[in-house]
Every structure is written in C-alpha cells, then in structure tokens.
Amino acid sequence: MHHNSADRAASPHSAADQPVRRVCVFCGSSPGSRPDYTAVATELGRRLATERIGVVYGGARIGVMGAVSAAALANGGDVVGVIPEALLLREVAHFDLPDLRVVGSMHERKATMNELSDAFIVLAGGYGTFEELFEVVTWAQLGLHHKPIVLLDGTGYFTPVLTMLDHAVDEGFVSPAGRALVQHATDVDTALKLVRQPAPPQPELVRLSPDET
C-alpha cells in the first residue's frame, strides 16, 4: 500500500543549521516495561510536528512506534510509515496513515527509510531497533550517507550500548571517529539540536555504493 504524499516536508532552520525535512525514528513496536518510553516518544512526535519536521518510522500502530506516530499526527505532522508485508499483522500496521509504504523485505524497509530521511533518532526498542541503529552507523562509516544519528534516552536504557561502544574503541575495533557517529541526547531539545548539525566527519575509507551493501 502506498498512498502518495510529498516526499519532503518544509522545515524552518537557521543559517547555521542544516535543513532537516524528515527524521527517521527507529524504535520498538512494544511499549516497554515503563511509561517513560512512550512518554518520550509522544514528546518527540509532538515536537517534530510543531517544528514542521516529518516523521519516517516503521509503520506500526502500537508500542513506542505508535506513540511517536500518534503524537505527530495529532499535531498536524507529516508521517510516513514503512513496513514489510510480512509484518503487517505482527506489528499491527497503522493502516490509517496518509502515507503507508508496504515493502518486500527488511532491507528494503531500511533503505527506504534512509532515502526519505535527513537524520536518525533512535528510541528504546529491541533487536530490530539495535539492528537498524548499527546498520545506519555502518553505512555512515562507509560513506553511504552523512546524516546525524542520535540516541534519545533519558532513562538509561542505552547506557550498556554506549558502554559497549566505548569498550570497542578501547579494544581497537572502533575508531574514535567512528564512535562519534553515535551521538547521545537525554532530552528532545538536545536531540533536535544534534540532528540539525552535520554528522561527525569520517576518515577516507573504501567507499561502497548502495548496491554493494
């Protein structure tokens, strides 16, 4: 299902900011065990809508995903859902979205979300969210995109992930420049400031084209 809509939403920005028309939000289709997870998702969705920044997300009606989309839609936001056909029922797709794009695979889902977005904000989620995070970080390190990536977490949920990334630097598996690709915000204001700034620069590596991933 693909309902037509404008591919970009307008966003005001200062001369010092880079234009952010849409933000891809990675997060879980579960609400988690604490109300804090859906609360920050609701705040993020509302703020993105009021600042006229579109939302690209995984297309579910439930969980943290559903909280983001519901808040954005309630405040007049532009929301694009992207979901594989196999997950339409499992993730309870949001069929009422003005723009719900049903794709053939998880890879196509992530590629589409990347293509539509100018930055990434990651909220709490499970294996799927972790996989989405690390894939877009890897793409950034390989030069496939130059978009900011921000973990938005005021609860400490991602603290073990951040610790693991620092450990990977200490052990020589991740460069300090690569580590800088994963930025951290504890509140929505900071997250929105970070996505308006250029992504941390990376050293010249072997560059891949999208069809080589």
N, C-alpha and C. Protein backbone atom coordinates (compact mmCIF):
# COMPACT_ATOMS: atom_id res chain seq x y z
N MET A 1 0.86 -1.18 0.00
CA MET A 1 0.00 0.00 0.00
C MET A 1 0.89 1.22 0.00
N HIS A 2 0.64 2.14 -0.89
CA HIS A 2 1.48 3.34 -0.97
C HIS A 2 0.58 4.50 -1.35
N HIS A 3 0.26 5.30 -0.35
CA HIS A 3 -0.55 6.48 -0.58
C HIS A 3 0.39 7.62 -0.93
N ASN A 4 0.14 8.32 -2.00
CA ASN A 4 1.04 9.38 -2.44
C ASN A 4 1.02 10.55 -1.46
N SER A 5 2.18 11.13 -1.22
CA SER A 5 2.31 12.37 -0.47
C SER A 5 3.59 13.04 -0.92
N ALA A 6 3.77 14.30 -0.56
CA ALA A 6 5.01 15.00 -0.91
C ALA A 6 6.18 14.28 -0.27
N ASP A 7 7.29 14.15 -1.00
CA ASP A 7 8.43 13.41 -0.48
C ASP A 7 9.19 14.18 0.58
N ARG A 8 8.93 15.46 0.71
CA ARG A 8 9.61 16.23 1.73
C ARG A 8 8.64 17.20 2.39
N ALA A 9 8.82 17.41 3.69
CA ALA A 9 8.02 18.40 4.40
C ALA A 9 8.90 19.60 4.70
N ALA A 10 8.33 20.80 4.68
CA ALA A 10 9.11 22.00 4.92
C ALA A 10 9.56 22.05 6.37
N SER A 11 10.75 22.63 6.61
CA SER A 11 11.26 22.79 7.96
C SER A 11 12.03 24.08 8.07
N PRO A 12 11.67 24.97 9.02
CA PRO A 12 12.43 26.19 9.20
C PRO A 12 13.78 25.88 9.82
N HIS A 13 14.83 26.59 9.45
CA HIS A 13 16.13 26.37 10.03
C HIS A 13 16.95 27.64 9.89
N SER A 14 17.91 27.81 10.77
CA SER A 14 18.78 28.98 10.71
C SER A 14 19.92 28.71 9.75
N ALA A 15 20.67 29.78 9.43
CA ALA A 15 21.77 29.63 8.50
C ALA A 15 22.82 28.67 9.03
N ALA A 16 22.91 28.54 10.36
CA ALA A 16 23.91 27.66 10.96
C ALA A 16 23.47 26.20 10.97
N ASP A 17 22.21 25.98 10.74
CA ASP A 17 21.68 24.61 10.77
C ASP A 17 21.66 24.01 9.38
N GLN A 18 21.73 22.67 9.33
CA GLN A 18 21.48 22.03 8.06
C GLN A 18 19.98 21.73 7.99
N PRO A 19 19.39 21.81 6.81
CA PRO A 19 17.94 21.59 6.71
C PRO A 19 17.56 20.16 7.07
N VAL A 20 16.58 20.01 7.92
CA VAL A 20 16.07 18.70 8.30
C VAL A 20 14.59 18.67 7.96
N ARG A 21 14.26 17.99 6.90
CA ARG A 21 12.87 17.94 6.45
C ARG A 21 12.13 16.74 7.04
N ARG A 22 12.84 15.62 7.14
CA ARG A 22 12.27 14.43 7.77
C ARG A 22 13.31 13.75 8.64
N VAL A 23 12.86 13.24 9.77
CA VAL A 23 13.70 12.46 10.68
C VAL A 23 13.16 11.04 10.72
N CYS A 24 14.06 10.09 10.54
CA CYS A 24 13.71 8.68 10.70
C CYS A 24 13.82 8.33 12.18
N VAL A 25 12.76 7.76 12.73
CA VAL A 25 12.74 7.36 14.14
C VAL A 25 12.72 5.84 14.20
N PHE A 26 13.79 5.27 14.72
CA PHE A 26 13.85 3.83 14.98
C PHE A 26 13.42 3.58 16.41
N CYS A 27 12.52 2.62 16.61
CA CYS A 27 12.06 2.32 17.97
C CYS A 27 11.23 1.04 17.94
N GLY A 28 10.83 0.59 19.12
CA GLY A 28 10.17 -0.69 19.24
C GLY A 28 8.67 -0.66 18.99
N SER A 29 8.15 -1.83 18.59
CA SER A 29 6.70 -1.99 18.46
C SER A 29 6.08 -2.44 19.79
N SER A 30 6.92 -2.60 20.81
CA SER A 30 6.46 -2.84 22.18
C SER A 30 6.51 -1.53 22.95
N PRO A 31 5.64 -1.36 23.96
CA PRO A 31 5.70 -0.13 24.77
C PRO A 31 6.79 -0.19 25.84
N GLY A 32 7.41 -1.35 26.05
CA GLY A 32 8.38 -1.49 27.12
C GLY A 32 7.72 -1.64 28.47
N SER A 33 8.53 -1.73 29.50
CA SER A 33 8.00 -2.02 30.84
C SER A 33 7.71 -0.78 31.67
N ARG A 34 8.08 0.41 31.15
CA ARG A 34 7.87 1.65 31.90
C ARG A 34 7.20 2.69 31.01
N PRO A 35 6.34 3.53 31.56
CA PRO A 35 5.67 4.56 30.75
C PRO A 35 6.62 5.61 30.19
N ASP A 36 7.83 5.70 30.74
CA ASP A 36 8.81 6.69 30.26
C ASP A 36 9.09 6.51 28.77
N TYR A 37 9.08 5.27 28.29
CA TYR A 37 9.46 5.02 26.90
C TYR A 37 8.45 5.61 25.93
N THR A 38 7.16 5.42 26.19
CA THR A 38 6.16 6.01 25.31
C THR A 38 6.00 7.50 25.57
N ALA A 39 6.33 7.95 26.79
CA ALA A 39 6.23 9.38 27.09
C ALA A 39 7.21 10.19 26.24
N VAL A 40 8.47 9.74 26.16
CA VAL A 40 9.44 10.47 25.35
C VAL A 40 9.11 10.36 23.87
N ALA A 41 8.55 9.22 23.46
CA ALA A 41 8.13 9.07 22.07
C ALA A 41 7.02 10.06 21.73
N THR A 42 6.08 10.23 22.65
CA THR A 42 4.99 11.18 22.45
C THR A 42 5.52 12.61 22.36
N GLU A 43 6.45 12.95 23.25
CA GLU A 43 7.03 14.30 23.21
C GLU A 43 7.79 14.53 21.90
N LEU A 44 8.55 13.53 21.46
CA LEU A 44 9.30 13.67 20.22
C LEU A 44 8.36 13.84 19.03
N GLY A 45 7.32 13.02 18.95
CA GLY A 45 6.38 13.14 17.84
C GLY A 45 5.71 14.50 17.80
N ARG A 46 5.33 15.01 18.98
CA ARG A 46 4.70 16.33 19.05
C ARG A 46 5.65 17.42 18.60
N ARG A 47 6.88 17.38 19.09
CA ARG A 47 7.84 18.42 18.75
C ARG A 47 8.21 18.40 17.27
N LEU A 48 8.38 17.23 16.72
CA LEU A 48 8.68 17.15 15.29
C LEU A 48 7.55 17.77 14.48
N ALA A 49 6.32 17.47 14.86
CA ALA A 49 5.18 18.03 14.14
C ALA A 49 5.11 19.54 14.26
N THR A 50 5.27 20.06 15.48
CA THR A 50 5.14 21.50 15.68
C THR A 50 6.29 22.27 15.01
N GLU A 51 7.43 21.62 14.83
CA GLU A 51 8.55 22.25 14.13
C GLU A 51 8.56 21.92 12.63
N ARG A 52 7.48 21.31 12.19
CA ARG A 52 7.28 21.00 10.77
C ARG A 52 8.39 20.12 10.20
N ILE A 53 8.80 19.16 11.01
CA ILE A 53 9.74 18.13 10.57
C ILE A 53 8.96 16.83 10.44
N GLY A 54 9.00 16.23 9.28
CA GLY A 54 8.27 15.00 9.05
C GLY A 54 8.89 13.82 9.79
N VAL A 55 8.06 12.80 10.02
CA VAL A 55 8.48 11.58 10.70
C VAL A 55 8.47 10.42 9.71
N VAL A 56 9.55 9.68 9.67
CA VAL A 56 9.60 8.40 8.96
C VAL A 56 9.82 7.33 10.02
N TYR A 57 8.98 6.31 10.04
CA TYR A 57 9.12 5.29 11.08
C TYR A 57 8.62 3.95 10.55
N GLY A 58 8.63 2.95 11.43
CA GLY A 58 8.37 1.58 10.99
C GLY A 58 6.95 1.19 10.70
N GLY A 59 6.01 2.12 10.80
CA GLY A 59 4.65 1.88 10.30
C GLY A 59 3.69 1.19 11.24
N ALA A 60 4.07 0.92 12.49
CA ALA A 60 3.18 0.23 13.41
C ALA A 60 2.27 1.21 14.16
N ARG A 61 1.13 0.67 14.61
CA ARG A 61 0.18 1.47 15.39
C ARG A 61 0.42 1.32 16.89
N ILE A 62 1.23 0.37 17.29
CA ILE A 62 1.38 0.01 18.70
C ILE A 62 2.77 0.33 19.22
N GLY A 63 2.93 0.25 20.54
CA GLY A 63 4.22 0.39 21.18
C GLY A 63 4.80 1.79 21.08
N VAL A 64 6.13 1.86 21.19
CA VAL A 64 6.82 3.14 21.09
C VAL A 64 6.59 3.74 19.71
N MET A 65 6.59 2.89 18.68
CA MET A 65 6.30 3.36 17.32
C MET A 65 4.96 4.06 17.25
N GLY A 66 3.95 3.42 17.81
CA GLY A 66 2.62 4.00 17.76
C GLY A 66 2.52 5.33 18.49
N ALA A 67 3.27 5.46 19.60
CA ALA A 67 3.24 6.72 20.35
C ALA A 67 3.84 7.86 19.55
N VAL A 68 4.93 7.60 18.84
CA VAL A 68 5.54 8.64 18.01
C VAL A 68 4.57 9.10 16.93
N SER A 69 4.01 8.14 16.19
CA SER A 69 3.15 8.50 15.07
C SER A 69 1.86 9.16 15.53
N ALA A 70 1.28 8.67 16.62
CA ALA A 70 0.02 9.25 17.12
C ALA A 70 0.22 10.71 17.52
N ALA A 71 1.31 11.01 18.22
CA ALA A 71 1.56 12.38 18.65
C ALA A 71 1.83 13.30 17.47
N ALA A 72 2.60 12.81 16.49
CA ALA A 72 2.87 13.63 15.31
C ALA A 72 1.60 13.92 14.53
N LEU A 73 0.78 12.90 14.32
CA LEU A 73 -0.46 13.08 13.57
C LEU A 73 -1.43 14.00 14.32
N ALA A 74 -1.50 13.87 15.63
CA ALA A 74 -2.41 14.70 16.43
C ALA A 74 -2.05 16.17 16.36
N ASN A 75 -0.79 16.45 16.04
CA ASN A 75 -0.33 17.84 15.96
C ASN A 75 -0.10 18.29 14.52
N GLY A 76 -0.73 17.59 13.58
CA GLY A 76 -0.69 18.01 12.18
C GLY A 76 0.59 17.66 11.45
N GLY A 77 1.33 16.68 11.97
CA GLY A 77 2.61 16.34 11.36
C GLY A 77 2.49 15.47 10.12
N ASP A 78 3.57 15.47 9.34
CA ASP A 78 3.70 14.61 8.16
C ASP A 78 4.35 13.31 8.62
N VAL A 79 3.68 12.18 8.44
CA VAL A 79 4.18 10.89 8.92
C VAL A 79 4.18 9.89 7.77
N VAL A 80 5.32 9.24 7.57
CA VAL A 80 5.44 8.16 6.59
C VAL A 80 5.79 6.88 7.33
N GLY A 81 4.98 5.85 7.15
CA GLY A 81 5.28 4.54 7.72
C GLY A 81 5.82 3.61 6.65
N VAL A 82 6.83 2.83 7.01
CA VAL A 82 7.43 1.88 6.08
C VAL A 82 7.47 0.52 6.76
N ILE A 83 6.81 -0.46 6.18
CA ILE A 83 6.70 -1.76 6.86
C ILE A 83 6.74 -2.89 5.83
N PRO A 84 7.46 -3.97 6.11
CA PRO A 84 7.44 -5.13 5.21
C PRO A 84 6.08 -5.82 5.25
N GLU A 85 5.70 -6.38 4.14
CA GLU A 85 4.39 -7.04 4.06
C GLU A 85 4.26 -8.13 5.11
N ALA A 86 5.35 -8.85 5.39
CA ALA A 86 5.30 -9.96 6.34
C ALA A 86 4.98 -9.51 7.76
N LEU A 87 5.18 -8.21 8.07
CA LEU A 87 4.95 -7.71 9.42
C LEU A 87 3.67 -6.91 9.56
N LEU A 88 2.85 -6.89 8.52
CA LEU A 88 1.62 -6.08 8.57
C LEU A 88 0.75 -6.42 9.77
N LEU A 89 0.61 -7.70 10.05
CA LEU A 89 -0.23 -8.11 11.17
C LEU A 89 0.56 -8.22 12.46
N ARG A 90 1.79 -8.72 12.39
CA ARG A 90 2.58 -8.91 13.60
C ARG A 90 2.85 -7.59 14.31
N GLU A 91 3.18 -6.55 13.57
CA GLU A 91 3.46 -5.25 14.18
C GLU A 91 2.23 -4.34 14.19
N VAL A 92 1.07 -4.85 13.78
CA VAL A 92 -0.19 -4.11 13.77
C VAL A 92 0.00 -2.79 13.01
N ALA A 93 0.09 -2.92 11.68
CA ALA A 93 0.36 -1.77 10.83
C ALA A 93 -0.70 -0.68 11.01
N HIS A 94 -0.26 0.56 10.88
CA HIS A 94 -1.12 1.72 11.02
C HIS A 94 -1.75 2.02 9.64
N PHE A 95 -2.83 1.30 9.32
CA PHE A 95 -3.42 1.40 8.00
C PHE A 95 -4.08 2.75 7.74
N ASP A 96 -4.30 3.54 8.79
CA ASP A 96 -4.93 4.86 8.61
C ASP A 96 -3.93 5.96 8.28
N LEU A 97 -2.64 5.63 8.21
CA LEU A 97 -1.66 6.65 7.85
C LEU A 97 -1.94 7.19 6.45
N PRO A 98 -1.79 8.49 6.25
CA PRO A 98 -1.92 9.03 4.89
C PRO A 98 -0.88 8.46 3.93
N ASP A 99 0.29 8.05 4.47
CA ASP A 99 1.36 7.52 3.63
C ASP A 99 1.96 6.29 4.32
N LEU A 100 1.43 5.12 3.98
CA LEU A 100 1.96 3.85 4.48
C LEU A 100 2.55 3.10 3.31
N ARG A 101 3.84 2.84 3.37
CA ARG A 101 4.53 2.18 2.28
C ARG A 101 4.84 0.74 2.68
N VAL A 102 4.27 -0.19 1.97
CA VAL A 102 4.47 -1.61 2.23
C VAL A 102 5.54 -2.12 1.26
N VAL A 103 6.63 -2.65 1.83
CA VAL A 103 7.76 -3.07 1.03
C VAL A 103 7.95 -4.58 1.16
N GLY A 104 8.90 -5.10 0.38
CA GLY A 104 9.04 -6.55 0.29
C GLY A 104 9.94 -7.19 1.31
N SER A 105 10.81 -6.42 1.96
CA SER A 105 11.79 -7.03 2.87
C SER A 105 12.25 -6.02 3.91
N MET A 106 12.93 -6.53 4.94
CA MET A 106 13.50 -5.66 5.95
C MET A 106 14.58 -4.76 5.35
N HIS A 107 15.38 -5.31 4.44
CA HIS A 107 16.41 -4.49 3.81
C HIS A 107 15.78 -3.33 3.03
N GLU A 108 14.72 -3.63 2.30
CA GLU A 108 14.05 -2.57 1.53
C GLU A 108 13.43 -1.54 2.48
N ARG A 109 12.95 -1.99 3.61
CA ARG A 109 12.39 -1.07 4.61
C ARG A 109 13.45 -0.07 5.05
N LYS A 110 14.62 -0.57 5.45
CA LYS A 110 15.68 0.32 5.94
C LYS A 110 16.20 1.23 4.84
N ALA A 111 16.35 0.70 3.64
CA ALA A 111 16.83 1.52 2.54
C ALA A 111 15.85 2.65 2.23
N THR A 112 14.55 2.34 2.28
CA THR A 112 13.53 3.35 2.01
C THR A 112 13.52 4.41 3.11
N MET A 113 13.61 3.99 4.35
CA MET A 113 13.62 4.93 5.46
C MET A 113 14.83 5.86 5.38
N ASN A 114 15.97 5.32 5.01
CA ASN A 114 17.17 6.13 4.84
C ASN A 114 17.00 7.14 3.70
N GLU A 115 16.45 6.67 2.60
CA GLU A 115 16.28 7.54 1.43
C GLU A 115 15.37 8.73 1.73
N LEU A 116 14.35 8.52 2.56
CA LEU A 116 13.37 9.56 2.85
C LEU A 116 13.80 10.54 3.93
N SER A 117 14.88 10.23 4.65
CA SER A 117 15.20 10.96 5.87
C SER A 117 16.49 11.75 5.76
N ASP A 118 16.58 12.80 6.59
CA ASP A 118 17.78 13.63 6.68
C ASP A 118 18.58 13.35 7.94
N ALA A 119 18.02 12.61 8.88
CA ALA A 119 18.69 12.31 10.14
C ALA A 119 17.96 11.14 10.80
N PHE A 120 18.60 10.58 11.84
CA PHE A 120 18.04 9.44 12.55
C PHE A 120 18.00 9.74 14.05
N ILE A 121 16.85 9.45 14.67
CA ILE A 121 16.74 9.47 16.12
C ILE A 121 16.30 8.08 16.55
N VAL A 122 17.00 7.52 17.54
CA VAL A 122 16.72 6.16 17.99
C VAL A 122 16.17 6.19 19.40
N LEU A 123 14.99 5.61 19.56
CA LEU A 123 14.36 5.46 20.87
C LEU A 123 14.47 4.00 21.31
N ALA A 124 13.95 3.70 22.48
CA ALA A 124 14.05 2.36 23.03
C ALA A 124 13.38 1.34 22.11
N GLY A 125 13.98 0.17 22.03
CA GLY A 125 13.45 -0.92 21.22
C GLY A 125 14.28 -2.16 21.45
N GLY A 126 13.94 -3.21 20.73
CA GLY A 126 14.62 -4.49 20.90
C GLY A 126 15.61 -4.79 19.79
N TYR A 127 15.70 -6.07 19.41
CA TYR A 127 16.68 -6.50 18.41
C TYR A 127 16.56 -5.72 17.11
N GLY A 128 15.31 -5.50 16.66
CA GLY A 128 15.12 -4.80 15.39
C GLY A 128 15.66 -3.38 15.44
N THR A 129 15.44 -2.70 16.56
CA THR A 129 15.94 -1.34 16.72
C THR A 129 17.46 -1.31 16.78
N PHE A 130 18.06 -2.27 17.52
CA PHE A 130 19.52 -2.34 17.57
C PHE A 130 20.10 -2.58 16.18
N GLU A 131 19.46 -3.48 15.44
CA GLU A 131 19.96 -3.80 14.11
C GLU A 131 19.86 -2.59 13.18
N GLU A 132 18.76 -1.86 13.27
CA GLU A 132 18.60 -0.65 12.46
C GLU A 132 19.66 0.39 12.81
N LEU A 133 19.88 0.58 14.11
CA LEU A 133 20.90 1.53 14.56
C LEU A 133 22.26 1.18 13.99
N PHE A 134 22.70 -0.06 14.19
CA PHE A 134 24.06 -0.41 13.79
C PHE A 134 24.23 -0.47 12.28
N GLU A 135 23.15 -0.77 11.57
CA GLU A 135 23.29 -0.75 10.12
C GLU A 135 23.48 0.67 9.60
N VAL A 136 22.68 1.64 10.10
CA VAL A 136 22.86 3.00 9.58
C VAL A 136 24.18 3.60 10.05
N VAL A 137 24.69 3.18 11.22
CA VAL A 137 26.02 3.63 11.65
C VAL A 137 27.08 3.07 10.71
N THR A 138 26.96 1.80 10.36
CA THR A 138 27.91 1.19 9.43
C THR A 138 27.86 1.88 8.08
N TRP A 139 26.65 2.18 7.60
CA TRP A 139 26.52 2.90 6.32
C TRP A 139 27.21 4.26 6.41
N ALA A 140 27.07 4.94 7.54
CA ALA A 140 27.71 6.25 7.69
C ALA A 140 29.23 6.11 7.68
N GLN A 141 29.74 5.10 8.35
CA GLN A 141 31.19 4.89 8.40
C GLN A 141 31.74 4.58 7.01
N LEU A 142 30.93 3.93 6.18
CA LEU A 142 31.36 3.57 4.82
C LEU A 142 31.07 4.67 3.80
N GLY A 143 30.50 5.78 4.26
CA GLY A 143 30.26 6.89 3.36
C GLY A 143 29.00 6.79 2.53
N LEU A 144 28.10 5.86 2.89
CA LEU A 144 26.85 5.73 2.14
C LEU A 144 25.87 6.85 2.48
N HIS A 145 26.02 7.48 3.64
CA HIS A 145 25.25 8.67 3.97
C HIS A 145 26.06 9.50 4.94
N HIS A 146 25.66 10.75 5.12
CA HIS A 146 26.35 11.66 6.03
C HIS A 146 25.30 12.34 6.93
N LYS A 147 24.46 11.52 7.53
CA LYS A 147 23.33 12.02 8.31
C LYS A 147 23.56 11.80 9.80
N PRO A 148 23.15 12.76 10.64
CA PRO A 148 23.32 12.59 12.08
C PRO A 148 22.51 11.40 12.61
N ILE A 149 23.08 10.74 13.62
CA ILE A 149 22.44 9.60 14.28
C ILE A 149 22.46 9.87 15.78
N VAL A 150 21.29 9.92 16.40
CA VAL A 150 21.19 10.32 17.81
C VAL A 150 20.37 9.31 18.59
N LEU A 151 20.96 8.80 19.67
CA LEU A 151 20.20 8.01 20.64
C LEU A 151 19.52 8.99 21.59
N LEU A 152 18.20 8.95 21.64
CA LEU A 152 17.44 9.80 22.56
C LEU A 152 17.01 8.93 23.74
N ASP A 153 17.62 9.18 24.89
CA ASP A 153 17.43 8.27 26.02
C ASP A 153 17.68 9.01 27.33
N GLY A 154 16.62 9.34 28.02
CA GLY A 154 16.75 9.96 29.33
C GLY A 154 16.58 8.98 30.46
N THR A 155 16.38 7.71 30.15
CA THR A 155 16.10 6.70 31.18
C THR A 155 17.30 5.83 31.51
N GLY A 156 18.33 5.87 30.69
CA GLY A 156 19.47 4.99 30.88
C GLY A 156 19.36 3.68 30.12
N TYR A 157 18.31 3.54 29.31
CA TYR A 157 18.12 2.28 28.57
C TYR A 157 19.34 1.95 27.72
N PHE A 158 19.91 2.95 27.05
CA PHE A 158 21.01 2.70 26.14
C PHE A 158 22.39 2.78 26.80
N THR A 159 22.45 2.95 28.11
CA THR A 159 23.75 3.06 28.78
C THR A 159 24.65 1.85 28.50
N PRO A 160 24.15 0.61 28.56
CA PRO A 160 25.02 -0.53 28.23
C PRO A 160 25.53 -0.50 26.79
N VAL A 161 24.71 0.01 25.86
CA VAL A 161 25.15 0.11 24.47
C VAL A 161 26.28 1.12 24.35
N LEU A 162 26.15 2.28 24.99
CA LEU A 162 27.19 3.30 24.95
C LEU A 162 28.48 2.79 25.60
N THR A 163 28.33 2.05 26.69
CA THR A 163 29.50 1.46 27.33
C THR A 163 30.20 0.47 26.42
N MET A 164 29.41 -0.33 25.71
CA MET A 164 29.99 -1.30 24.79
C MET A 164 30.73 -0.61 23.65
N LEU A 165 30.18 0.49 23.14
CA LEU A 165 30.85 1.23 22.08
C LEU A 165 32.19 1.80 22.56
N ASP A 166 32.20 2.34 23.78
CA ASP A 166 33.45 2.85 24.34
C ASP A 166 34.46 1.72 24.53
N HIS A 167 33.98 0.56 24.94
CA HIS A 167 34.85 -0.61 25.11
C HIS A 167 35.43 -1.04 23.77
N ALA A 168 34.62 -0.98 22.71
CA ALA A 168 35.10 -1.35 21.39
C ALA A 168 36.21 -0.41 20.91
N VAL A 169 36.10 0.87 21.28
CA VAL A 169 37.18 1.81 20.96
C VAL A 169 38.44 1.44 21.74
N ASP A 170 38.29 1.19 23.04
CA ASP A 170 39.44 0.83 23.88
C ASP A 170 40.15 -0.42 23.37
N GLU A 171 39.37 -1.35 22.81
CA GLU A 171 39.94 -2.61 22.33
C GLU A 171 40.40 -2.55 20.88
N GLY A 172 40.27 -1.39 20.24
CA GLY A 172 40.81 -1.21 18.91
C GLY A 172 39.94 -1.68 17.77
N PHE A 173 38.65 -1.92 18.02
CA PHE A 173 37.75 -2.37 16.96
C PHE A 173 36.92 -1.25 16.34
N VAL A 174 36.77 -0.15 17.06
CA VAL A 174 36.05 1.03 16.56
C VAL A 174 36.97 2.22 16.75
N SER A 175 37.10 3.05 15.71
CA SER A 175 37.93 4.25 15.81
C SER A 175 37.19 5.32 16.61
N PRO A 176 37.92 6.26 17.20
CA PRO A 176 37.24 7.38 17.87
C PRO A 176 36.31 8.14 16.93
N ALA A 177 36.71 8.30 15.66
CA ALA A 177 35.83 8.98 14.70
C ALA A 177 34.56 8.17 14.46
N GLY A 178 34.70 6.86 14.37
CA GLY A 178 33.52 6.02 14.19
C GLY A 178 32.62 6.04 15.41
N ARG A 179 33.23 6.07 16.60
CA ARG A 179 32.44 6.14 17.83
C ARG A 179 31.61 7.42 17.88
N ALA A 180 32.16 8.51 17.34
CA ALA A 180 31.47 9.81 17.38
C ALA A 180 30.21 9.82 16.53
N LEU A 181 30.06 8.85 15.66
CA LEU A 181 28.86 8.80 14.82
C LEU A 181 27.60 8.57 15.65
N VAL A 182 27.71 7.87 16.76
CA VAL A 182 26.55 7.60 17.62
C VAL A 182 26.52 8.66 18.71
N GLN A 183 25.64 9.64 18.53
CA GLN A 183 25.51 10.73 19.49
C GLN A 183 24.40 10.42 20.49
N HIS A 184 24.44 11.09 21.64
CA HIS A 184 23.52 10.76 22.72
C HIS A 184 22.86 12.02 23.24
N ALA A 185 21.55 11.96 23.40
CA ALA A 185 20.78 13.07 23.98
C ALA A 185 19.88 12.52 25.06
N THR A 186 19.74 13.26 26.15
CA THR A 186 18.86 12.83 27.24
C THR A 186 17.50 13.54 27.21
N ASP A 187 17.33 14.46 26.26
CA ASP A 187 16.05 15.16 26.14
C ASP A 187 15.81 15.53 24.68
N VAL A 188 14.57 15.84 24.37
CA VAL A 188 14.17 16.11 22.99
C VAL A 188 14.86 17.36 22.45
N ASP A 189 14.97 18.40 23.26
CA ASP A 189 15.62 19.63 22.80
C ASP A 189 17.03 19.34 22.28
N THR A 190 17.80 18.60 23.05
CA THR A 190 19.17 18.29 22.65
C THR A 190 19.19 17.42 21.40
N ALA A 191 18.29 16.46 21.32
CA ALA A 191 18.24 15.60 20.14
C ALA A 191 17.97 16.41 18.88
N LEU A 192 17.04 17.37 18.96
CA LEU A 192 16.72 18.17 17.79
C LEU A 192 17.86 19.11 17.42
N LYS A 193 18.61 19.57 18.39
CA LYS A 193 19.79 20.38 18.08
C LYS A 193 20.84 19.54 17.36
N LEU A 194 21.04 18.31 17.83
CA LEU A 194 22.07 17.45 17.24
C LEU A 194 21.73 17.05 15.81
N VAL A 195 20.45 16.78 15.52
CA VAL A 195 20.12 16.36 14.15
C VAL A 195 20.21 17.51 13.16
N ARG A 196 20.27 18.74 13.67
CA ARG A 196 20.42 19.90 12.78
C ARG A 196 21.90 20.23 12.51
N GLN A 197 22.80 19.51 13.16
CA GLN A 197 24.22 19.74 12.96
C GLN A 197 24.78 18.67 12.01
N PRO A 198 25.84 18.99 11.28
CA PRO A 198 26.44 17.97 10.40
C PRO A 198 26.91 16.76 11.20
N ALA A 199 26.84 15.60 10.58
CA ALA A 199 27.35 14.40 11.23
C ALA A 199 28.86 14.51 11.41
N PRO A 200 29.41 13.89 12.44
CA PRO A 200 30.86 13.94 12.64
C PRO A 200 31.60 13.42 11.41
N PRO A 201 32.66 14.12 10.96
CA PRO A 201 33.38 13.68 9.76
C PRO A 201 34.09 12.36 9.98
N GLN A 202 34.26 11.61 8.91
CA GLN A 202 34.92 10.32 8.96
C GLN A 202 36.17 10.31 8.08
N PRO A 203 37.18 9.54 8.45
CA PRO A 203 38.36 9.43 7.58
C PRO A 203 37.99 8.75 6.28
N GLU A 204 38.80 8.97 5.27
CA GLU A 204 38.55 8.34 3.97
C GLU A 204 38.74 6.83 4.08
N LEU A 205 37.69 6.10 3.76
CA LEU A 205 37.73 4.65 3.74
C LEU A 205 37.36 4.17 2.34
N VAL A 206 37.41 2.88 2.14
CA VAL A 206 36.88 2.34 0.89
C VAL A 206 35.40 2.65 0.83
N ARG A 207 34.97 3.29 -0.22
CA ARG A 207 33.56 3.69 -0.33
C ARG A 207 32.78 2.66 -1.13
N LEU A 208 31.63 2.32 -0.60
CA LEU A 208 30.73 1.39 -1.28
C LEU A 208 29.56 2.16 -1.86
N SER A 209 28.99 1.61 -2.90
CA SER A 209 27.75 2.16 -3.43
C SER A 209 26.60 1.39 -2.80
N PRO A 210 25.37 1.96 -2.81
CA PRO A 210 24.25 1.27 -2.15
C PRO A 210 24.01 -0.16 -2.64
N ASP A 211 24.27 -0.44 -3.91
CA ASP A 211 24.01 -1.80 -4.40
C ASP A 211 25.10 -2.79 -4.01
N GLU A 212 26.14 -2.31 -3.31
CA GLU A 212 27.18 -3.21 -2.83
C GLU A 212 27.00 -3.59 -1.36
N THR A 213 25.94 -3.07 -0.73
CA THR A 213 25.73 -3.40 0.68
C THR A 213 24.94 -4.69 0.80
